Amino acid sequence: MTTSDPSVDPRATDVVVTEDELSVELADGRRVIVPLAWFPRLLHATNEQRLNWRLLGDGHGIHWPDVDEDLSVAGLLRGTAAPGTSRRAI
């Protein structure tokens, strides 16, 4: 029996930030959704600041220049919250 491994491509292609969640679309079709409470800079940012993001390193990271926040896709996949914050939603 032959099986094929699904194509895994952990690069971000799109980002959506709401008042409560950060959602990151990946090139391989997955979506990572985490509580915004994990990232206090984004949690306390204005909607305009949250919308001003750019992809880094061909989608391996995300940068919000207005709040000086950088997140890696690898960290999101590991479930890594910002230093000093709880992984539980507040």
N, C-alpha and C. Protein backbone atom coordinates (compact mmCIF):
# COMPACT_ATOMS: atom_id res chain seq x y z
N MET A 1 0.84 -1.17 0.00
CA MET A 1 0.00 0.00 0.00
C MET A 1 0.89 1.24 0.00
N THR A 2 0.58 2.16 -0.85
CA THR A 2 1.36 3.39 -0.96
C THR A 2 0.56 4.54 -0.38
N THR A 3 1.23 5.32 0.45
CA THR A 3 0.59 6.52 0.99
C THR A 3 1.47 7.71 0.66
N SER A 4 0.84 8.84 0.54
CA SER A 4 1.63 10.04 0.30
C SER A 4 1.43 10.98 1.48
N ASP A 5 2.51 11.61 1.86
CA ASP A 5 2.44 12.57 2.96
C ASP A 5 1.83 13.86 2.44
N PRO A 6 0.98 14.48 3.24
CA PRO A 6 0.44 15.77 2.81
C PRO A 6 1.56 16.80 2.71
N SER A 7 1.40 17.73 1.80
CA SER A 7 2.39 18.79 1.64
C SER A 7 2.27 19.76 2.81
N VAL A 8 3.36 19.90 3.54
CA VAL A 8 3.38 20.81 4.69
C VAL A 8 4.19 22.03 4.31
N ASP A 9 3.56 23.19 4.41
CA ASP A 9 4.23 24.44 4.07
C ASP A 9 3.85 25.48 5.12
N PRO A 10 4.61 25.53 6.22
CA PRO A 10 4.26 26.42 7.33
C PRO A 10 4.67 27.87 7.11
N ARG A 11 4.17 28.45 6.03
CA ARG A 11 4.41 29.88 5.76
C ARG A 11 3.07 30.60 5.78
N ALA A 12 3.03 31.74 6.42
CA ALA A 12 1.81 32.54 6.48
C ALA A 12 1.53 33.15 5.11
N THR A 13 0.25 33.18 4.77
CA THR A 13 -0.17 33.86 3.54
C THR A 13 -1.14 34.99 3.82
N ASP A 14 -1.81 34.93 4.97
CA ASP A 14 -2.76 35.97 5.34
C ASP A 14 -2.91 36.00 6.86
N VAL A 15 -3.27 37.15 7.37
CA VAL A 15 -3.42 37.35 8.81
C VAL A 15 -4.71 38.13 9.06
N VAL A 16 -5.48 37.68 10.03
CA VAL A 16 -6.68 38.39 10.46
C VAL A 16 -6.60 38.54 11.97
N VAL A 17 -6.77 39.76 12.44
CA VAL A 17 -6.75 40.02 13.88
C VAL A 17 -8.09 40.64 14.27
N THR A 18 -8.80 39.98 15.18
CA THR A 18 -10.05 40.53 15.71
C THR A 18 -9.78 41.05 17.11
N GLU A 19 -10.81 41.43 17.82
CA GLU A 19 -10.65 41.90 19.19
C GLU A 19 -10.22 40.78 20.13
N ASP A 20 -10.47 39.52 19.72
CA ASP A 20 -10.22 38.38 20.60
C ASP A 20 -9.21 37.37 20.09
N GLU A 21 -8.99 37.31 18.76
CA GLU A 21 -8.19 36.23 18.19
C GLU A 21 -7.23 36.72 17.11
N LEU A 22 -6.17 35.94 16.96
CA LEU A 22 -5.24 36.09 15.85
C LEU A 22 -5.40 34.84 15.00
N SER A 23 -5.70 35.03 13.73
CA SER A 23 -5.87 33.91 12.80
C SER A 23 -4.86 34.06 11.68
N VAL A 24 -4.09 32.99 11.44
CA VAL A 24 -3.06 33.01 10.42
C VAL A 24 -3.31 31.88 9.43
N GLU A 25 -3.50 32.24 8.17
CA GLU A 25 -3.67 31.26 7.10
C GLU A 25 -2.29 30.83 6.64
N LEU A 26 -2.10 29.52 6.46
CA LEU A 26 -0.82 28.99 6.00
C LEU A 26 -0.91 28.55 4.55
N ALA A 27 0.23 28.52 3.89
CA ALA A 27 0.30 28.18 2.47
C ALA A 27 -0.20 26.77 2.18
N ASP A 28 -0.16 25.88 3.18
CA ASP A 28 -0.60 24.50 2.95
C ASP A 28 -2.08 24.29 3.26
N GLY A 29 -2.81 25.38 3.53
CA GLY A 29 -4.24 25.27 3.76
C GLY A 29 -4.67 25.26 5.21
N ARG A 30 -3.73 25.13 6.12
CA ARG A 30 -4.08 25.16 7.54
C ARG A 30 -4.34 26.58 7.99
N ARG A 31 -5.08 26.70 9.10
CA ARG A 31 -5.33 27.98 9.74
C ARG A 31 -5.00 27.82 11.22
N VAL A 32 -4.18 28.71 11.74
CA VAL A 32 -3.81 28.70 13.16
C VAL A 32 -4.56 29.86 13.82
N ILE A 33 -5.33 29.54 14.85
CA ILE A 33 -6.09 30.57 15.57
C ILE A 33 -5.68 30.51 17.04
N VAL A 34 -5.25 31.66 17.56
CA VAL A 34 -4.83 31.73 18.96
C VAL A 34 -5.50 32.93 19.63
N PRO A 35 -5.67 32.87 20.95
CA PRO A 35 -6.25 34.00 21.67
C PRO A 35 -5.33 35.22 21.60
N LEU A 36 -5.91 36.36 21.36
CA LEU A 36 -5.12 37.59 21.31
C LEU A 36 -4.52 37.91 22.68
N ALA A 37 -5.10 37.37 23.74
CA ALA A 37 -4.58 37.58 25.09
C ALA A 37 -3.16 37.05 25.23
N TRP A 38 -2.73 36.15 24.35
CA TRP A 38 -1.36 35.64 24.38
C TRP A 38 -0.35 36.70 23.97
N PHE A 39 -0.81 37.76 23.31
CA PHE A 39 0.09 38.78 22.77
C PHE A 39 -0.40 40.17 23.20
N PRO A 40 -0.01 40.60 24.40
CA PRO A 40 -0.52 41.85 24.96
C PRO A 40 -0.35 43.08 24.06
N ARG A 41 0.74 43.15 23.32
CA ARG A 41 0.91 44.31 22.44
C ARG A 41 -0.20 44.39 21.41
N LEU A 42 -0.58 43.24 20.86
CA LEU A 42 -1.68 43.22 19.89
C LEU A 42 -3.02 43.39 20.58
N LEU A 43 -3.17 42.81 21.76
CA LEU A 43 -4.41 42.92 22.50
C LEU A 43 -4.74 44.38 22.80
N HIS A 44 -3.74 45.15 23.15
CA HIS A 44 -3.95 46.55 23.54
C HIS A 44 -3.79 47.53 22.37
N ALA A 45 -3.51 47.02 21.19
CA ALA A 45 -3.35 47.87 20.01
C ALA A 45 -4.72 48.31 19.49
N THR A 46 -4.73 49.38 18.74
CA THR A 46 -5.96 49.81 18.08
C THR A 46 -6.22 48.90 16.88
N ASN A 47 -7.43 48.93 16.38
CA ASN A 47 -7.75 48.14 15.20
C ASN A 47 -6.86 48.53 14.03
N GLU A 48 -6.62 49.80 13.87
CA GLU A 48 -5.75 50.28 12.79
C GLU A 48 -4.34 49.71 12.92
N GLN A 49 -3.81 49.69 14.13
CA GLN A 49 -2.48 49.13 14.37
C GLN A 49 -2.45 47.62 14.09
N ARG A 50 -3.52 46.92 14.46
CA ARG A 50 -3.59 45.48 14.20
C ARG A 50 -3.65 45.16 12.72
N LEU A 51 -4.27 46.04 11.95
CA LEU A 51 -4.40 45.82 10.51
C LEU A 51 -3.11 46.11 9.76
N ASN A 52 -2.19 46.82 10.38
CA ASN A 52 -0.92 47.19 9.74
C ASN A 52 0.14 46.14 10.05
N TRP A 53 0.13 45.06 9.28
CA TRP A 53 1.10 43.97 9.45
C TRP A 53 1.75 43.68 8.11
N ARG A 54 2.88 42.99 8.19
CA ARG A 54 3.54 42.52 6.96
C ARG A 54 4.20 41.19 7.24
N LEU A 55 4.33 40.40 6.19
CA LEU A 55 4.98 39.10 6.32
C LEU A 55 6.48 39.28 6.25
N LEU A 56 7.19 38.48 7.02
CA LEU A 56 8.65 38.48 7.05
C LEU A 56 9.17 37.15 6.52
N GLY A 57 10.33 37.17 5.89
CA GLY A 57 11.00 35.94 5.48
C GLY A 57 10.13 35.01 4.68
N ASP A 58 9.48 35.52 3.65
CA ASP A 58 8.64 34.71 2.77
C ASP A 58 7.51 34.02 3.54
N GLY A 59 7.01 34.68 4.59
CA GLY A 59 5.88 34.14 5.34
C GLY A 59 6.23 33.35 6.58
N HIS A 60 7.49 33.33 6.96
CA HIS A 60 7.88 32.59 8.17
C HIS A 60 7.65 33.41 9.44
N GLY A 61 7.36 34.69 9.27
CA GLY A 61 7.09 35.56 10.40
C GLY A 61 6.11 36.65 10.04
N ILE A 62 5.60 37.32 11.06
CA ILE A 62 4.65 38.43 10.89
C ILE A 62 5.14 39.58 11.74
N HIS A 63 5.08 40.79 11.19
CA HIS A 63 5.56 41.98 11.89
C HIS A 63 4.47 43.04 11.91
N TRP A 64 4.25 43.64 13.09
CA TRP A 64 3.36 44.77 13.26
C TRP A 64 4.23 45.96 13.65
N PRO A 65 4.58 46.84 12.70
CA PRO A 65 5.51 47.93 13.00
C PRO A 65 4.98 48.95 14.00
N ASP A 66 3.67 49.18 14.03
CA ASP A 66 3.12 50.20 14.92
C ASP A 66 3.21 49.82 16.39
N VAL A 67 3.29 48.52 16.68
CA VAL A 67 3.37 48.07 18.08
C VAL A 67 4.64 47.28 18.34
N ASP A 68 5.54 47.25 17.36
CA ASP A 68 6.83 46.57 17.47
C ASP A 68 6.67 45.11 17.92
N GLU A 69 5.77 44.39 17.24
CA GLU A 69 5.52 42.98 17.56
C GLU A 69 5.95 42.12 16.38
N ASP A 70 6.69 41.06 16.67
CA ASP A 70 7.12 40.08 15.67
C ASP A 70 6.74 38.70 16.17
N LEU A 71 6.06 37.93 15.33
CA LEU A 71 5.70 36.56 15.67
C LEU A 71 6.18 35.63 14.58
N SER A 72 6.64 34.46 14.98
CA SER A 72 7.04 33.46 14.00
C SER A 72 5.92 32.45 13.83
N VAL A 73 5.77 31.94 12.63
CA VAL A 73 4.79 30.90 12.38
C VAL A 73 5.15 29.65 13.18
N ALA A 74 6.43 29.33 13.26
CA ALA A 74 6.86 28.17 14.04
C ALA A 74 6.43 28.31 15.50
N GLY A 75 6.56 29.49 16.07
CA GLY A 75 6.14 29.73 17.44
C GLY A 75 4.64 29.57 17.61
N LEU A 76 3.88 30.07 16.65
CA LEU A 76 2.42 29.91 16.70
C LEU A 76 2.05 28.44 16.65
N LEU A 77 2.72 27.68 15.79
CA LEU A 77 2.42 26.25 15.68
C LEU A 77 2.79 25.49 16.96
N ARG A 78 3.81 25.98 17.67
CA ARG A 78 4.21 25.36 18.96
C ARG A 78 3.30 25.79 20.10
N GLY A 79 2.50 26.84 19.88
CA GLY A 79 1.66 27.36 20.95
C GLY A 79 2.39 28.26 21.89
N THR A 80 3.38 28.98 21.39
CA THR A 80 4.21 29.85 22.21
C THR A 80 3.57 31.22 22.38
N ALA A 81 3.26 31.58 23.61
CA ALA A 81 2.72 32.91 23.92
C ALA A 81 3.88 33.88 24.13
N ALA A 82 3.56 35.16 24.17
CA ALA A 82 4.58 36.18 24.44
C ALA A 82 5.18 35.92 25.82
N PRO A 83 6.46 36.24 26.01
CA PRO A 83 7.08 36.03 27.33
C PRO A 83 6.30 36.75 28.43
N GLY A 84 6.11 36.04 29.54
CA GLY A 84 5.44 36.65 30.68
C GLY A 84 3.92 36.56 30.64
N THR A 85 3.35 35.98 29.59
CA THR A 85 1.90 35.84 29.51
C THR A 85 1.49 34.39 29.70
N SER A 86 0.27 34.22 30.10
CA SER A 86 -0.28 32.89 30.28
C SER A 86 -0.77 32.34 28.95
N ARG A 87 -0.68 31.03 28.76
CA ARG A 87 -1.21 30.42 27.53
C ARG A 87 -2.72 30.28 27.61
N ARG A 88 -3.30 30.57 28.75
CA ARG A 88 -4.76 30.53 28.87
C ARG A 88 -5.32 31.86 28.39
N ALA A 89 -6.47 31.79 27.75
CA ALA A 89 -7.15 33.01 27.35
C ALA A 89 -7.62 33.73 28.60
N ILE A 90 -7.46 35.03 28.63
CA ILE A 90 -7.86 35.82 29.80
C ILE A 90 -9.28 36.27 29.64
